[in-house]
Amino acid sequence: MGFNKRFLSEDNLKYQYKEHGAEGVISYISKPDALFSSDKFSELFLSLPLEWNNGKPTKNSLKLIDNMFNEYEQNKGRNKYNERNN
């Protein structure tokens, strides 16, 4: 049996959100055994307090993801998420 890991980046999270919405992002980050972030924005997704009900993300979890991407779009160009935490 293998170890499933996923490397998160701003680009692949934005792609998942654009193509599949908040549910797609939650599915993308919740299936692997381990997550690794490559930038400040993707690092935010490592500790999200996601909630589940009957195997599906709750409305609060979906709203949390939507709010993160909406805030990202509002702050675009301000470099809030683009710097790597060293």
N, C-alpha and C. Protein backbone atom coordinates (compact mmCIF):
# COMPACT_ATOMS: atom_id res chain seq x y z
N MET A 1 0.84 -1.17 0.00
CA MET A 1 0.00 0.00 0.00
C MET A 1 0.89 1.24 0.00
N GLY A 2 0.58 2.20 -0.85
CA GLY A 2 1.42 3.39 -1.00
C GLY A 2 1.02 4.52 -0.07
N PHE A 3 1.90 5.48 -0.02
CA PHE A 3 1.71 6.69 0.78
C PHE A 3 1.35 7.80 -0.18
N ASN A 4 0.16 8.34 -0.06
CA ASN A 4 -0.33 9.36 -0.97
C ASN A 4 -0.02 10.75 -0.43
N LYS A 5 0.82 11.50 -1.15
CA LYS A 5 1.17 12.86 -0.73
C LYS A 5 0.80 13.84 -1.84
N ARG A 6 0.56 15.08 -1.45
CA ARG A 6 0.20 16.10 -2.42
C ARG A 6 0.93 17.38 -2.09
N PHE A 7 1.49 18.01 -3.12
CA PHE A 7 2.17 19.29 -2.98
C PHE A 7 1.21 20.39 -3.39
N LEU A 8 0.88 21.26 -2.45
CA LEU A 8 -0.05 22.36 -2.72
C LEU A 8 0.71 23.59 -3.16
N SER A 9 0.11 24.29 -4.10
CA SER A 9 0.65 25.58 -4.53
C SER A 9 -0.52 26.51 -4.82
N GLU A 10 -0.24 27.77 -4.87
CA GLU A 10 -1.27 28.75 -5.20
C GLU A 10 -1.92 28.40 -6.53
N ASP A 11 -1.10 28.03 -7.51
CA ASP A 11 -1.63 27.74 -8.84
C ASP A 11 -2.56 26.52 -8.85
N ASN A 12 -2.16 25.41 -8.21
CA ASN A 12 -3.02 24.25 -8.29
C ASN A 12 -4.29 24.41 -7.44
N LEU A 13 -4.23 25.18 -6.36
CA LEU A 13 -5.45 25.46 -5.59
C LEU A 13 -6.40 26.37 -6.37
N LYS A 14 -5.86 27.38 -7.03
CA LYS A 14 -6.71 28.26 -7.85
C LYS A 14 -7.36 27.48 -8.98
N TYR A 15 -6.60 26.56 -9.58
CA TYR A 15 -7.16 25.73 -10.65
C TYR A 15 -8.31 24.87 -10.12
N GLN A 16 -8.11 24.21 -8.99
CA GLN A 16 -9.16 23.37 -8.40
C GLN A 16 -10.41 24.20 -8.10
N TYR A 17 -10.22 25.39 -7.57
CA TYR A 17 -11.36 26.25 -7.24
C TYR A 17 -12.09 26.71 -8.50
N LYS A 18 -11.32 27.09 -9.51
CA LYS A 18 -11.93 27.56 -10.76
C LYS A 18 -12.70 26.44 -11.46
N GLU A 19 -12.15 25.25 -11.48
CA GLU A 19 -12.76 24.13 -12.19
C GLU A 19 -13.82 23.39 -11.39
N HIS A 20 -13.67 23.32 -10.06
CA HIS A 20 -14.53 22.44 -9.26
C HIS A 20 -15.16 23.12 -8.06
N GLY A 21 -14.86 24.40 -7.84
CA GLY A 21 -15.45 25.13 -6.72
C GLY A 21 -14.89 24.70 -5.37
N ALA A 22 -15.56 25.15 -4.32
CA ALA A 22 -15.10 24.88 -2.96
C ALA A 22 -15.07 23.39 -2.66
N GLU A 23 -16.07 22.64 -3.13
CA GLU A 23 -16.08 21.19 -2.89
C GLU A 23 -14.88 20.52 -3.53
N GLY A 24 -14.49 20.98 -4.71
CA GLY A 24 -13.32 20.42 -5.38
C GLY A 24 -12.04 20.68 -4.62
N VAL A 25 -11.91 21.87 -4.04
CA VAL A 25 -10.72 22.19 -3.24
C VAL A 25 -10.68 21.31 -2.00
N ILE A 26 -11.82 21.17 -1.33
CA ILE A 26 -11.86 20.34 -0.13
C ILE A 26 -11.52 18.89 -0.46
N SER A 27 -12.03 18.39 -1.54
CA SER A 27 -11.71 17.03 -1.97
C SER A 27 -10.22 16.90 -2.27
N TYR A 28 -9.67 17.90 -2.93
CA TYR A 28 -8.26 17.90 -3.32
C TYR A 28 -7.33 17.88 -2.12
N ILE A 29 -7.69 18.61 -1.05
CA ILE A 29 -6.80 18.69 0.11
C ILE A 29 -7.10 17.64 1.17
N SER A 30 -8.23 16.96 1.07
CA SER A 30 -8.58 16.03 2.14
C SER A 30 -8.28 14.57 1.82
N LYS A 31 -8.01 14.23 0.57
CA LYS A 31 -7.78 12.83 0.21
C LYS A 31 -6.37 12.31 0.47
N PRO A 32 -5.32 13.09 0.30
CA PRO A 32 -3.97 12.57 0.52
C PRO A 32 -3.67 12.28 2.00
N ASP A 33 -2.66 11.44 2.21
CA ASP A 33 -2.18 11.15 3.56
C ASP A 33 -1.36 12.31 4.12
N ALA A 34 -0.70 13.06 3.24
CA ALA A 34 0.16 14.17 3.67
C ALA A 34 0.06 15.31 2.67
N LEU A 35 0.12 16.53 3.19
CA LEU A 35 0.10 17.73 2.36
C LEU A 35 1.37 18.53 2.61
N PHE A 36 1.90 19.11 1.54
CA PHE A 36 3.07 19.98 1.61
C PHE A 36 2.73 21.27 0.90
N SER A 37 3.06 22.40 1.50
CA SER A 37 2.77 23.69 0.86
C SER A 37 4.05 24.26 0.26
N SER A 38 3.88 25.00 -0.81
CA SER A 38 5.03 25.59 -1.48
C SER A 38 5.02 27.12 -1.44
N ASP A 39 3.99 27.71 -0.86
CA ASP A 39 3.92 29.17 -0.75
C ASP A 39 3.00 29.54 0.41
N LYS A 40 2.96 30.81 0.72
CA LYS A 40 2.19 31.30 1.87
C LYS A 40 0.69 31.03 1.70
N PHE A 41 0.17 31.22 0.50
CA PHE A 41 -1.26 31.00 0.26
C PHE A 41 -1.63 29.55 0.50
N SER A 42 -0.88 28.61 -0.06
CA SER A 42 -1.22 27.20 0.11
C SER A 42 -1.01 26.75 1.55
N GLU A 43 -0.12 27.40 2.26
CA GLU A 43 0.13 27.07 3.67
C GLU A 43 -1.12 27.29 4.52
N LEU A 44 -1.95 28.25 4.14
CA LEU A 44 -3.18 28.54 4.87
C LEU A 44 -4.14 27.35 4.87
N PHE A 45 -4.05 26.51 3.86
CA PHE A 45 -4.98 25.39 3.72
C PHE A 45 -4.60 24.19 4.59
N LEU A 46 -3.41 24.21 5.17
CA LEU A 46 -2.95 23.06 5.95
C LEU A 46 -3.66 22.94 7.29
N SER A 47 -4.16 24.03 7.81
CA SER A 47 -4.77 23.97 9.14
C SER A 47 -6.23 24.44 9.16
N LEU A 48 -6.91 24.30 8.05
CA LEU A 48 -8.30 24.72 8.01
C LEU A 48 -9.17 23.82 8.89
N PRO A 49 -10.08 24.40 9.66
CA PRO A 49 -10.97 23.60 10.50
C PRO A 49 -12.19 23.10 9.71
N LEU A 50 -11.96 22.20 8.79
CA LEU A 50 -13.05 21.69 7.95
C LEU A 50 -13.93 20.74 8.75
N GLU A 51 -15.23 20.81 8.46
CA GLU A 51 -16.21 19.97 9.14
C GLU A 51 -16.93 19.11 8.11
N TRP A 52 -17.36 17.93 8.55
CA TRP A 52 -18.03 16.97 7.67
C TRP A 52 -19.37 16.55 8.26
N ASN A 53 -20.32 16.28 7.39
CA ASN A 53 -21.61 15.76 7.81
C ASN A 53 -22.04 14.71 6.79
N ASN A 54 -22.17 13.48 7.22
CA ASN A 54 -22.54 12.37 6.33
C ASN A 54 -21.60 12.25 5.14
N GLY A 55 -20.31 12.43 5.39
CA GLY A 55 -19.32 12.26 4.35
C GLY A 55 -19.16 13.43 3.39
N LYS A 56 -19.87 14.51 3.63
CA LYS A 56 -19.77 15.70 2.77
C LYS A 56 -19.36 16.90 3.61
N PRO A 57 -18.65 17.85 2.99
CA PRO A 57 -18.28 19.06 3.74
C PRO A 57 -19.52 19.87 4.10
N THR A 58 -19.49 20.47 5.28
CA THR A 58 -20.63 21.29 5.73
C THR A 58 -20.65 22.62 4.97
N LYS A 59 -21.77 23.31 5.10
CA LYS A 59 -21.89 24.63 4.48
C LYS A 59 -20.83 25.58 5.03
N ASN A 60 -20.53 25.46 6.32
CA ASN A 60 -19.49 26.31 6.92
C ASN A 60 -18.13 26.07 6.29
N SER A 61 -17.81 24.81 6.00
CA SER A 61 -16.54 24.49 5.36
C SER A 61 -16.48 25.06 3.95
N LEU A 62 -17.56 24.92 3.21
CA LEU A 62 -17.61 25.47 1.85
C LEU A 62 -17.49 26.99 1.88
N LYS A 63 -18.16 27.61 2.84
CA LYS A 63 -18.09 29.07 2.97
C LYS A 63 -16.68 29.52 3.33
N LEU A 64 -15.99 28.76 4.17
CA LEU A 64 -14.62 29.07 4.55
C LEU A 64 -13.71 29.10 3.32
N ILE A 65 -13.85 28.10 2.45
CA ILE A 65 -13.05 28.04 1.22
C ILE A 65 -13.41 29.21 0.31
N ASP A 66 -14.71 29.44 0.11
CA ASP A 66 -15.14 30.56 -0.74
C ASP A 66 -14.59 31.89 -0.21
N ASN A 67 -14.64 32.09 1.10
CA ASN A 67 -14.13 33.33 1.69
C ASN A 67 -12.63 33.48 1.48
N MET A 68 -11.89 32.38 1.57
CA MET A 68 -10.44 32.46 1.36
C MET A 68 -10.12 32.90 -0.07
N PHE A 69 -10.84 32.34 -1.04
CA PHE A 69 -10.57 32.72 -2.42
C PHE A 69 -11.08 34.12 -2.73
N ASN A 70 -12.20 34.52 -2.14
CA ASN A 70 -12.69 35.88 -2.34
C ASN A 70 -11.71 36.89 -1.76
N GLU A 71 -11.20 36.61 -0.57
CA GLU A 71 -10.21 37.51 0.04
C GLU A 71 -8.93 37.54 -0.79
N TYR A 72 -8.54 36.39 -1.32
CA TYR A 72 -7.37 36.32 -2.19
C TYR A 72 -7.55 37.24 -3.40
N GLU A 73 -8.70 37.16 -4.04
CA GLU A 73 -8.96 37.98 -5.22
C GLU A 73 -8.96 39.47 -4.87
N GLN A 74 -9.49 39.82 -3.71
CA GLN A 74 -9.52 41.22 -3.29
C GLN A 74 -8.13 41.75 -2.99
N ASN A 75 -7.25 40.89 -2.50
CA ASN A 75 -5.89 41.30 -2.14
C ASN A 75 -4.87 41.02 -3.23
N LYS A 76 -5.33 40.59 -4.37
CA LYS A 76 -4.44 40.27 -5.48
C LYS A 76 -3.55 41.47 -5.80
N GLY A 77 -2.28 41.21 -5.96
CA GLY A 77 -1.36 42.29 -6.28
C GLY A 77 -0.76 42.96 -5.06
N ARG A 78 -1.28 42.66 -3.88
CA ARG A 78 -0.75 43.25 -2.65
C ARG A 78 0.31 42.37 -2.01
N ASN A 79 0.56 41.23 -2.62
CA ASN A 79 1.59 40.30 -2.19
C ASN A 79 1.34 39.70 -0.80
N LYS A 80 0.09 39.69 -0.36
CA LYS A 80 -0.24 39.17 0.97
C LYS A 80 0.08 37.68 1.08
N TYR A 81 -0.18 36.91 0.03
CA TYR A 81 -0.01 35.46 0.09
C TYR A 81 1.16 34.95 -0.72
N ASN A 82 1.83 35.80 -1.43
CA ASN A 82 2.84 35.35 -2.37
C ASN A 82 4.21 35.11 -1.79
N GLU A 83 4.46 35.54 -0.56
CA GLU A 83 5.78 35.40 0.03
C GLU A 83 5.87 34.08 0.78
N ARG A 84 6.98 33.41 0.64
CA ARG A 84 7.21 32.15 1.35
C ARG A 84 7.66 32.47 2.77
N ASN A 85 7.09 31.79 3.75
CA ASN A 85 7.43 31.99 5.15
C ASN A 85 8.75 31.27 5.44
N ASN A 86 9.83 31.98 5.69
CA ASN A 86 11.14 31.36 5.97
C ASN A 86 11.54 31.59 7.39
